[in-house]
């Protein structure tokens, strides 16, 4: 492991954890209510910012031409795993948002009229299908 990686990995972990907590503390001290959406947004912006920094910066140091092909292959393998994780993660976040709004509307529709049950069930199942699509894309990325 490179000295930069040894020093930066704990700093990144601290930054990802501390940034949303710091922003929530600032909002609390200013007398504003701490919003969960703003805290989650700050956490996601920090995480993707750190991912962008580590993708752009060459933290492995300089390598010879013999080991350069091995480094490129290892980087491509890591990007493949990252793409699979992001496709599954983004799909499940989208599914959570879709099911949260569709299920509450479905419960309201079924409580007014029992005949709407099958239509409501179909709408909720369509929202859950997004997660299955993300999982299928992850399987295709990993095993194709």
N, C-alpha and C. Protein backbone atom coordinates (compact mmCIF):
# COMPACT_ATOMS: atom_id res chain seq x y z
N UNK A 1 0.85 -1.17 0.00
CA UNK A 1 0.00 0.00 0.00
C UNK A 1 0.89 1.24 0.00
N UNK A 2 0.49 2.21 -0.75
CA UNK A 2 1.24 3.44 -0.88
C UNK A 2 1.02 4.32 0.37
N UNK A 3 1.99 5.18 0.66
CA UNK A 3 1.89 6.04 1.84
C UNK A 3 0.72 7.01 1.72
N UNK A 4 0.40 7.45 0.49
CA UNK A 4 -0.74 8.33 0.29
C UNK A 4 -2.05 7.61 0.64
N UNK A 5 -2.13 6.36 0.25
CA UNK A 5 -3.34 5.60 0.55
C UNK A 5 -3.47 5.36 2.06
N UNK A 6 -2.38 5.11 2.73
CA UNK A 6 -2.42 4.88 4.17
C UNK A 6 -2.86 6.14 4.91
N UNK A 7 -2.43 7.30 4.42
CA UNK A 7 -2.80 8.55 5.08
C UNK A 7 -4.19 9.03 4.69
N UNK A 8 -4.58 8.82 3.43
CA UNK A 8 -5.83 9.39 2.97
C UNK A 8 -7.07 8.56 3.32
N UNK A 9 -6.95 7.27 3.43
CA UNK A 9 -8.13 6.46 3.69
C UNK A 9 -8.81 6.80 5.02
N UNK A 10 -8.07 6.96 6.13
CA UNK A 10 -8.76 7.39 7.36
C UNK A 10 -9.32 8.80 7.26
N UNK A 11 -8.64 9.69 6.53
CA UNK A 11 -9.16 11.04 6.37
C UNK A 11 -10.45 11.06 5.57
N UNK A 12 -10.54 10.21 4.56
CA UNK A 12 -11.76 10.12 3.77
C UNK A 12 -12.91 9.59 4.61
N UNK A 13 -12.64 8.57 5.41
CA UNK A 13 -13.69 8.03 6.27
C UNK A 13 -14.17 9.08 7.27
N UNK A 14 -13.26 9.84 7.82
CA UNK A 14 -13.64 10.90 8.76
C UNK A 14 -14.43 11.98 8.05
N UNK A 15 -14.02 12.35 6.82
CA UNK A 15 -14.73 13.39 6.06
C UNK A 15 -16.14 12.96 5.71
N UNK A 16 -16.30 11.70 5.32
CA UNK A 16 -17.63 11.23 4.94
C UNK A 16 -18.56 11.19 6.15
N UNK A 17 -18.03 10.85 7.30
CA UNK A 17 -18.85 10.80 8.51
C UNK A 17 -19.07 12.19 9.10
N UNK A 18 -18.03 13.01 9.10
CA UNK A 18 -18.10 14.28 9.83
C UNK A 18 -18.82 15.39 9.07
N UNK A 19 -18.80 15.38 7.75
CA UNK A 19 -19.40 16.48 7.00
C UNK A 19 -20.90 16.62 7.26
N UNK A 20 -21.70 15.57 7.14
CA UNK A 20 -23.13 15.75 7.44
C UNK A 20 -23.39 16.10 8.90
N UNK A 21 -22.59 15.54 9.81
CA UNK A 21 -22.77 15.86 11.22
C UNK A 21 -22.44 17.33 11.49
N UNK A 22 -21.39 17.83 10.85
CA UNK A 22 -21.01 19.23 11.01
C UNK A 22 -22.10 20.16 10.46
N UNK A 23 -22.65 19.82 9.28
CA UNK A 23 -23.71 20.65 8.70
C UNK A 23 -24.97 20.61 9.56
N UNK A 24 -25.29 19.45 10.10
CA UNK A 24 -26.46 19.35 10.99
C UNK A 24 -26.24 20.16 12.26
N UNK A 25 -25.01 20.13 12.79
CA UNK A 25 -24.69 20.91 13.99
C UNK A 25 -24.81 22.41 13.71
N UNK A 26 -24.34 22.84 12.53
CA UNK A 26 -24.45 24.26 12.17
C UNK A 26 -25.91 24.69 12.06
N UNK A 27 -26.75 23.84 11.47
CA UNK A 27 -28.17 24.17 11.36
C UNK A 27 -28.82 24.22 12.75
N UNK A 28 -28.41 23.33 13.63
CA UNK A 28 -28.97 23.31 14.97
C UNK A 28 -28.57 24.56 15.75
N UNK A 29 -27.32 24.98 15.61
CA UNK A 29 -26.84 26.17 16.32
C UNK A 29 -27.49 27.43 15.77
N UNK A 30 -27.86 27.43 14.48
CA UNK A 30 -28.51 28.60 13.89
C UNK A 30 -29.99 28.67 14.24
N UNK A 31 -30.50 27.65 14.93
CA UNK A 31 -31.88 27.66 15.34
C UNK A 31 -32.82 27.04 14.33
N UNK A 32 -32.27 26.46 13.28
CA UNK A 32 -33.11 25.82 12.27
C UNK A 32 -33.28 24.34 12.61
N UNK A 33 -34.33 23.78 12.09
CA UNK A 33 -34.53 22.35 12.31
C UNK A 33 -33.61 21.56 11.39
N UNK A 34 -33.14 20.45 11.87
CA UNK A 34 -32.25 19.60 11.08
C UNK A 34 -33.12 18.76 10.15
N UNK A 35 -32.92 18.96 8.86
CA UNK A 35 -33.71 18.27 7.86
C UNK A 35 -32.98 17.00 7.45
N UNK A 36 -33.69 15.89 7.40
CA UNK A 36 -33.08 14.62 7.03
C UNK A 36 -32.64 14.64 5.57
N UNK A 37 -33.43 15.28 4.71
CA UNK A 37 -33.07 15.33 3.29
C UNK A 37 -31.77 16.11 3.08
N UNK A 38 -31.59 17.21 3.79
CA UNK A 38 -30.37 17.98 3.61
C UNK A 38 -29.17 17.22 4.16
N UNK A 39 -29.35 16.48 5.24
CA UNK A 39 -28.26 15.67 5.79
C UNK A 39 -27.89 14.55 4.83
N UNK A 40 -28.88 13.89 4.27
CA UNK A 40 -28.62 12.83 3.30
C UNK A 40 -27.96 13.39 2.05
N UNK A 41 -28.42 14.54 1.59
CA UNK A 41 -27.82 15.17 0.42
C UNK A 41 -26.37 15.52 0.68
N UNK A 42 -26.08 16.07 1.84
CA UNK A 42 -24.69 16.41 2.18
C UNK A 42 -23.83 15.16 2.23
N UNK A 43 -24.36 14.07 2.77
CA UNK A 43 -23.61 12.83 2.84
C UNK A 43 -23.33 12.28 1.45
N UNK A 44 -24.32 12.30 0.57
CA UNK A 44 -24.13 11.79 -0.79
C UNK A 44 -23.17 12.67 -1.59
N UNK A 45 -23.28 13.98 -1.44
CA UNK A 45 -22.36 14.88 -2.15
C UNK A 45 -20.93 14.65 -1.68
N UNK A 46 -20.74 14.47 -0.39
CA UNK A 46 -19.40 14.20 0.12
C UNK A 46 -18.87 12.86 -0.39
N UNK A 47 -19.70 11.84 -0.37
CA UNK A 47 -19.27 10.52 -0.84
C UNK A 47 -18.89 10.55 -2.32
N UNK A 48 -19.75 11.13 -3.15
CA UNK A 48 -19.44 11.15 -4.58
C UNK A 48 -18.29 12.10 -4.89
N UNK A 49 -18.13 13.15 -4.09
CA UNK A 49 -16.96 14.01 -4.26
C UNK A 49 -15.66 13.28 -3.96
N UNK A 50 -15.67 12.50 -2.89
CA UNK A 50 -14.48 11.70 -2.57
C UNK A 50 -14.23 10.63 -3.63
N UNK A 51 -15.29 10.02 -4.14
CA UNK A 51 -15.12 9.05 -5.22
C UNK A 51 -14.51 9.69 -6.46
N UNK A 52 -14.96 10.91 -6.77
CA UNK A 52 -14.40 11.61 -7.93
C UNK A 52 -12.93 11.96 -7.71
N UNK A 53 -12.59 12.38 -6.51
CA UNK A 53 -11.19 12.71 -6.21
C UNK A 53 -10.31 11.47 -6.35
N UNK A 54 -10.76 10.35 -5.81
CA UNK A 54 -9.94 9.14 -5.87
C UNK A 54 -9.90 8.53 -7.26
N UNK A 55 -10.90 8.81 -8.07
CA UNK A 55 -10.88 8.34 -9.44
C UNK A 55 -9.92 9.17 -10.28
N UNK A 56 -9.87 10.46 -10.03
CA UNK A 56 -9.04 11.36 -10.84
C UNK A 56 -7.58 11.31 -10.41
N UNK A 57 -7.31 11.33 -9.11
CA UNK A 57 -5.93 11.38 -8.65
C UNK A 57 -5.24 10.02 -8.77
N UNK A 58 -4.04 9.99 -9.30
CA UNK A 58 -3.30 8.72 -9.35
C UNK A 58 -2.61 8.48 -8.01
N UNK A 59 -3.24 7.75 -7.12
CA UNK A 59 -2.69 7.53 -5.80
C UNK A 59 -1.74 6.34 -5.75
N UNK A 60 -1.62 5.61 -6.84
CA UNK A 60 -0.75 4.44 -6.85
C UNK A 60 0.71 4.79 -7.06
N UNK A 61 1.02 6.01 -7.40
CA UNK A 61 2.39 6.39 -7.68
C UNK A 61 2.78 6.03 -9.11
N UNK A 62 4.04 6.24 -9.43
CA UNK A 62 4.51 5.94 -10.77
C UNK A 62 4.98 4.49 -10.83
N UNK A 63 4.62 3.82 -11.92
CA UNK A 63 4.97 2.42 -12.09
C UNK A 63 5.75 2.26 -13.39
N UNK A 64 6.45 1.15 -13.48
CA UNK A 64 7.20 0.87 -14.70
C UNK A 64 6.24 0.38 -15.78
N UNK A 65 6.74 0.25 -16.99
CA UNK A 65 5.90 -0.18 -18.11
C UNK A 65 5.45 -1.63 -17.94
N UNK A 66 6.24 -2.45 -17.24
CA UNK A 66 5.86 -3.85 -17.05
C UNK A 66 4.64 -3.99 -16.15
N UNK A 67 4.60 -3.20 -15.11
CA UNK A 67 3.49 -3.32 -14.17
C UNK A 67 2.32 -2.40 -14.53
N UNK A 68 2.50 -1.58 -15.57
CA UNK A 68 1.42 -0.67 -15.96
C UNK A 68 0.21 -1.44 -16.47
N UNK A 69 0.43 -2.50 -17.23
CA UNK A 69 -0.71 -3.26 -17.74
C UNK A 69 -1.45 -3.97 -16.60
N UNK A 70 -0.72 -4.43 -15.60
CA UNK A 70 -1.37 -5.05 -14.44
C UNK A 70 -2.18 -4.02 -13.66
N UNK A 71 -1.64 -2.80 -13.57
CA UNK A 71 -2.35 -1.74 -12.85
C UNK A 71 -3.62 -1.35 -13.59
N UNK A 72 -3.56 -1.30 -14.93
CA UNK A 72 -4.74 -0.95 -15.71
C UNK A 72 -5.79 -2.04 -15.58
N UNK A 73 -5.37 -3.30 -15.60
CA UNK A 73 -6.31 -4.41 -15.45
C UNK A 73 -6.97 -4.38 -14.07
N UNK A 74 -6.19 -4.08 -13.04
CA UNK A 74 -6.75 -4.01 -11.68
C UNK A 74 -7.71 -2.83 -11.55
N UNK A 75 -7.38 -1.72 -12.21
CA UNK A 75 -8.26 -0.55 -12.16
C UNK A 75 -9.57 -0.84 -12.89
N UNK A 76 -9.48 -1.53 -14.02
CA UNK A 76 -10.69 -1.88 -14.76
C UNK A 76 -11.55 -2.83 -13.95
N UNK A 77 -10.94 -3.75 -13.24
CA UNK A 77 -11.68 -4.69 -12.40
C UNK A 77 -12.39 -3.94 -11.26
N UNK A 78 -11.70 -2.99 -10.67
CA UNK A 78 -12.31 -2.20 -9.60
C UNK A 78 -13.45 -1.34 -10.12
N UNK A 79 -13.30 -0.76 -11.29
CA UNK A 79 -14.38 0.03 -11.87
C UNK A 79 -15.59 -0.84 -12.20
N UNK A 80 -15.34 -2.10 -12.57
CA UNK A 80 -16.45 -3.00 -12.85
C UNK A 80 -17.26 -3.25 -11.58
N UNK A 81 -16.57 -3.49 -10.48
CA UNK A 81 -17.27 -3.69 -9.21
C UNK A 81 -17.99 -2.42 -8.76
N UNK A 82 -17.38 -1.27 -8.99
CA UNK A 82 -18.01 0.00 -8.63
C UNK A 82 -19.27 0.23 -9.46
N UNK A 83 -19.21 -0.09 -10.75
CA UNK A 83 -20.39 0.08 -11.60
C UNK A 83 -21.51 -0.86 -11.18
N UNK A 84 -21.17 -2.08 -10.81
CA UNK A 84 -22.20 -3.02 -10.36
C UNK A 84 -22.83 -2.53 -9.06
N UNK A 85 -22.02 -2.03 -8.15
CA UNK A 85 -22.55 -1.54 -6.87
C UNK A 85 -23.43 -0.31 -7.08
N UNK A 86 -23.00 0.60 -7.94
CA UNK A 86 -23.79 1.80 -8.18
C UNK A 86 -25.11 1.49 -8.88
N UNK A 87 -25.10 0.53 -9.81
CA UNK A 87 -26.36 0.20 -10.48
C UNK A 87 -27.36 -0.41 -9.50
N UNK A 88 -26.90 -1.29 -8.63
CA UNK A 88 -27.81 -1.87 -7.65
C UNK A 88 -28.24 -0.83 -6.62
N UNK A 89 -27.31 -0.04 -6.14
CA UNK A 89 -27.63 0.97 -5.13
C UNK A 89 -28.59 2.03 -5.63
N UNK A 90 -28.34 2.56 -6.83
CA UNK A 90 -29.22 3.59 -7.37
C UNK A 90 -30.60 3.03 -7.67
N UNK A 91 -30.65 1.79 -8.15
CA UNK A 91 -31.95 1.17 -8.44
C UNK A 91 -32.76 0.95 -7.16
N UNK A 92 -32.10 0.54 -6.09
CA UNK A 92 -32.84 0.31 -4.85
C UNK A 92 -33.27 1.61 -4.19
N UNK A 93 -32.48 2.66 -4.33
CA UNK A 93 -32.91 3.96 -3.81
C UNK A 93 -34.13 4.44 -4.59
N UNK A 94 -34.10 4.30 -5.92
CA UNK A 94 -35.26 4.66 -6.72
C UNK A 94 -36.48 3.84 -6.39
N UNK A 95 -36.26 2.55 -6.12
CA UNK A 95 -37.37 1.69 -5.74
C UNK A 95 -37.97 2.12 -4.41
N UNK A 96 -37.13 2.48 -3.47
CA UNK A 96 -37.64 2.95 -2.17
C UNK A 96 -38.49 4.19 -2.31
N UNK A 97 -38.06 5.11 -3.16
CA UNK A 97 -38.83 6.34 -3.37
C UNK A 97 -40.16 6.01 -4.06
N UNK A 98 -40.10 5.14 -5.08
CA UNK A 98 -41.32 4.80 -5.81
C UNK A 98 -42.32 4.05 -4.94
N UNK A 99 -41.83 3.09 -4.18
CA UNK A 99 -42.74 2.29 -3.36
C UNK A 99 -43.29 3.14 -2.21
N UNK A 100 -42.51 4.05 -1.69
CA UNK A 100 -43.00 4.90 -0.59
C UNK A 100 -44.20 5.72 -1.02
N UNK A 101 -44.16 6.29 -2.21
CA UNK A 101 -45.31 7.09 -2.64
C UNK A 101 -46.43 6.23 -3.20
N UNK A 102 -46.10 5.16 -3.92
CA UNK A 102 -47.15 4.32 -4.52
C UNK A 102 -47.89 3.52 -3.46
N UNK A 103 -47.19 3.02 -2.46
CA UNK A 103 -47.85 2.20 -1.44
C UNK A 103 -48.80 3.02 -0.58
N UNK A 104 -48.41 4.24 -0.24
CA UNK A 104 -49.31 5.06 0.57
C UNK A 104 -50.55 5.45 -0.23
N UNK A 105 -50.37 5.74 -1.53
CA UNK A 105 -51.54 6.05 -2.36
C UNK A 105 -52.40 4.81 -2.55
N UNK A 106 -51.77 3.64 -2.65
CA UNK A 106 -52.52 2.39 -2.82
C UNK A 106 -53.35 2.08 -1.58
N UNK A 107 -52.78 2.31 -0.42
CA UNK A 107 -53.53 2.07 0.83
C UNK A 107 -54.73 3.00 0.91
N UNK A 108 -54.53 4.25 0.50
CA UNK A 108 -55.66 5.19 0.51
C UNK A 108 -56.74 4.80 -0.48
N UNK A 109 -56.33 4.33 -1.68
CA UNK A 109 -57.31 3.94 -2.69
C UNK A 109 -58.07 2.69 -2.27
N UNK A 110 -57.39 1.73 -1.67
CA UNK A 110 -58.05 0.49 -1.25
C UNK A 110 -58.98 0.76 -0.07
N UNK A 111 -58.61 1.70 0.79
CA UNK A 111 -59.49 1.99 1.93
C UNK A 111 -60.79 2.64 1.48
N UNK A 112 -60.77 3.36 0.35
CA UNK A 112 -62.00 3.96 -0.15
C UNK A 112 -62.85 2.96 -0.93
N UNK A 113 -62.18 2.12 -1.74
CA UNK A 113 -62.92 1.16 -2.56
C UNK A 113 -62.11 -0.12 -2.65
N UNK A 114 -62.70 -1.23 -2.23
CA UNK A 114 -61.99 -2.52 -2.22
C UNK A 114 -61.72 -3.02 -3.63
N UNK A 115 -62.41 -2.54 -4.63
CA UNK A 115 -62.20 -2.97 -6.01
C UNK A 115 -60.90 -2.46 -6.61
N UNK A 116 -60.27 -1.51 -5.97
CA UNK A 116 -59.01 -0.95 -6.48
C UNK A 116 -57.78 -1.74 -6.03
N UNK A 117 -58.00 -2.87 -5.35
CA UNK A 117 -56.87 -3.59 -4.77
C UNK A 117 -55.90 -4.10 -5.83
N UNK A 118 -56.41 -4.71 -6.89
CA UNK A 118 -55.51 -5.28 -7.91
C UNK A 118 -54.77 -4.19 -8.66
N UNK A 119 -55.44 -3.08 -8.96
CA UNK A 119 -54.76 -1.97 -9.64
C UNK A 119 -53.66 -1.40 -8.74
N UNK A 120 -53.95 -1.25 -7.48
CA UNK A 120 -52.96 -0.71 -6.53
C UNK A 120 -51.78 -1.66 -6.39
N UNK A 121 -52.07 -2.96 -6.35
CA UNK A 121 -50.99 -3.94 -6.23
C UNK A 121 -50.08 -3.92 -7.45
N UNK A 122 -50.66 -3.72 -8.62
CA UNK A 122 -49.85 -3.64 -9.85
C UNK A 122 -48.94 -2.43 -9.81
N UNK A 123 -49.43 -1.29 -9.36
CA UNK A 123 -48.60 -0.09 -9.31
C UNK A 123 -47.45 -0.23 -8.32
N UNK A 124 -47.70 -0.86 -7.19
CA UNK A 124 -46.63 -1.08 -6.22
C UNK A 124 -45.61 -2.07 -6.77
N UNK A 125 -46.08 -3.11 -7.46
CA UNK A 125 -45.16 -4.10 -8.04
C UNK A 125 -44.32 -3.49 -9.15
N UNK A 126 -44.86 -2.55 -9.91
CA UNK A 126 -44.07 -1.88 -10.95
C UNK A 126 -42.93 -1.08 -10.34
N UNK A 127 -43.18 -0.47 -9.20
CA UNK A 127 -42.11 0.26 -8.52
C UNK A 127 -41.02 -0.67 -8.03
N UNK A 128 -41.41 -1.86 -7.57
CA UNK A 128 -40.42 -2.82 -7.07
C UNK A 128 -39.63 -3.46 -8.20
N UNK A 129 -40.17 -3.44 -9.39
CA UNK A 129 -39.47 -4.00 -10.54
C UNK A 129 -38.19 -3.27 -10.88
N UNK A 130 -38.10 -2.02 -10.51
CA UNK A 130 -36.90 -1.23 -10.80
C UNK A 130 -35.68 -1.83 -10.09
N UNK A 131 -35.86 -2.31 -8.88
CA UNK A 131 -34.75 -2.93 -8.15
C UNK A 131 -34.30 -4.21 -8.83
N UNK A 132 -35.23 -4.96 -9.37
CA UNK A 132 -34.86 -6.19 -10.06
C UNK A 132 -34.07 -5.86 -11.32
N UNK A 133 -34.45 -4.80 -12.03
CA UNK A 133 -33.69 -4.39 -13.21
C UNK A 133 -32.27 -3.98 -12.84
N UNK A 134 -32.12 -3.25 -11.76
CA UNK A 134 -30.78 -2.87 -11.31
C UNK A 134 -29.94 -4.07 -10.92
N UNK A 135 -30.56 -5.05 -10.29
CA UNK A 135 -29.85 -6.28 -9.93
C UNK A 135 -29.44 -7.06 -11.17
N UNK A 136 -30.30 -7.11 -12.16
CA UNK A 136 -29.96 -7.80 -13.41
C UNK A 136 -28.80 -7.11 -14.13
N UNK A 137 -28.78 -5.80 -14.12
CA UNK A 137 -27.67 -5.07 -14.74
C UNK A 137 -26.38 -5.35 -13.98
N UNK A 138 -26.45 -5.42 -12.66
CA UNK A 138 -25.25 -5.74 -11.87
C UNK A 138 -24.74 -7.15 -12.20
N UNK A 139 -25.65 -8.10 -12.34
CA UNK A 139 -25.23 -9.46 -12.69
C UNK A 139 -24.59 -9.48 -14.07
N UNK A 140 -25.15 -8.74 -15.01
CA UNK A 140 -24.57 -8.67 -16.35
C UNK A 140 -23.19 -8.03 -16.33
N UNK A 141 -23.02 -7.00 -15.52
CA UNK A 141 -21.70 -6.35 -15.42
C UNK A 141 -20.68 -7.29 -14.82
N UNK A 142 -21.05 -8.01 -13.78
CA UNK A 142 -20.10 -8.86 -13.09
C UNK A 142 -19.75 -10.14 -13.84
N UNK A 143 -20.72 -10.74 -14.50
CA UNK A 143 -20.49 -12.05 -15.07
C UNK A 143 -20.45 -12.08 -16.59
N UNK A 144 -20.51 -10.96 -17.25
CA UNK A 144 -20.45 -10.96 -18.71
C UNK A 144 -19.07 -10.54 -19.19
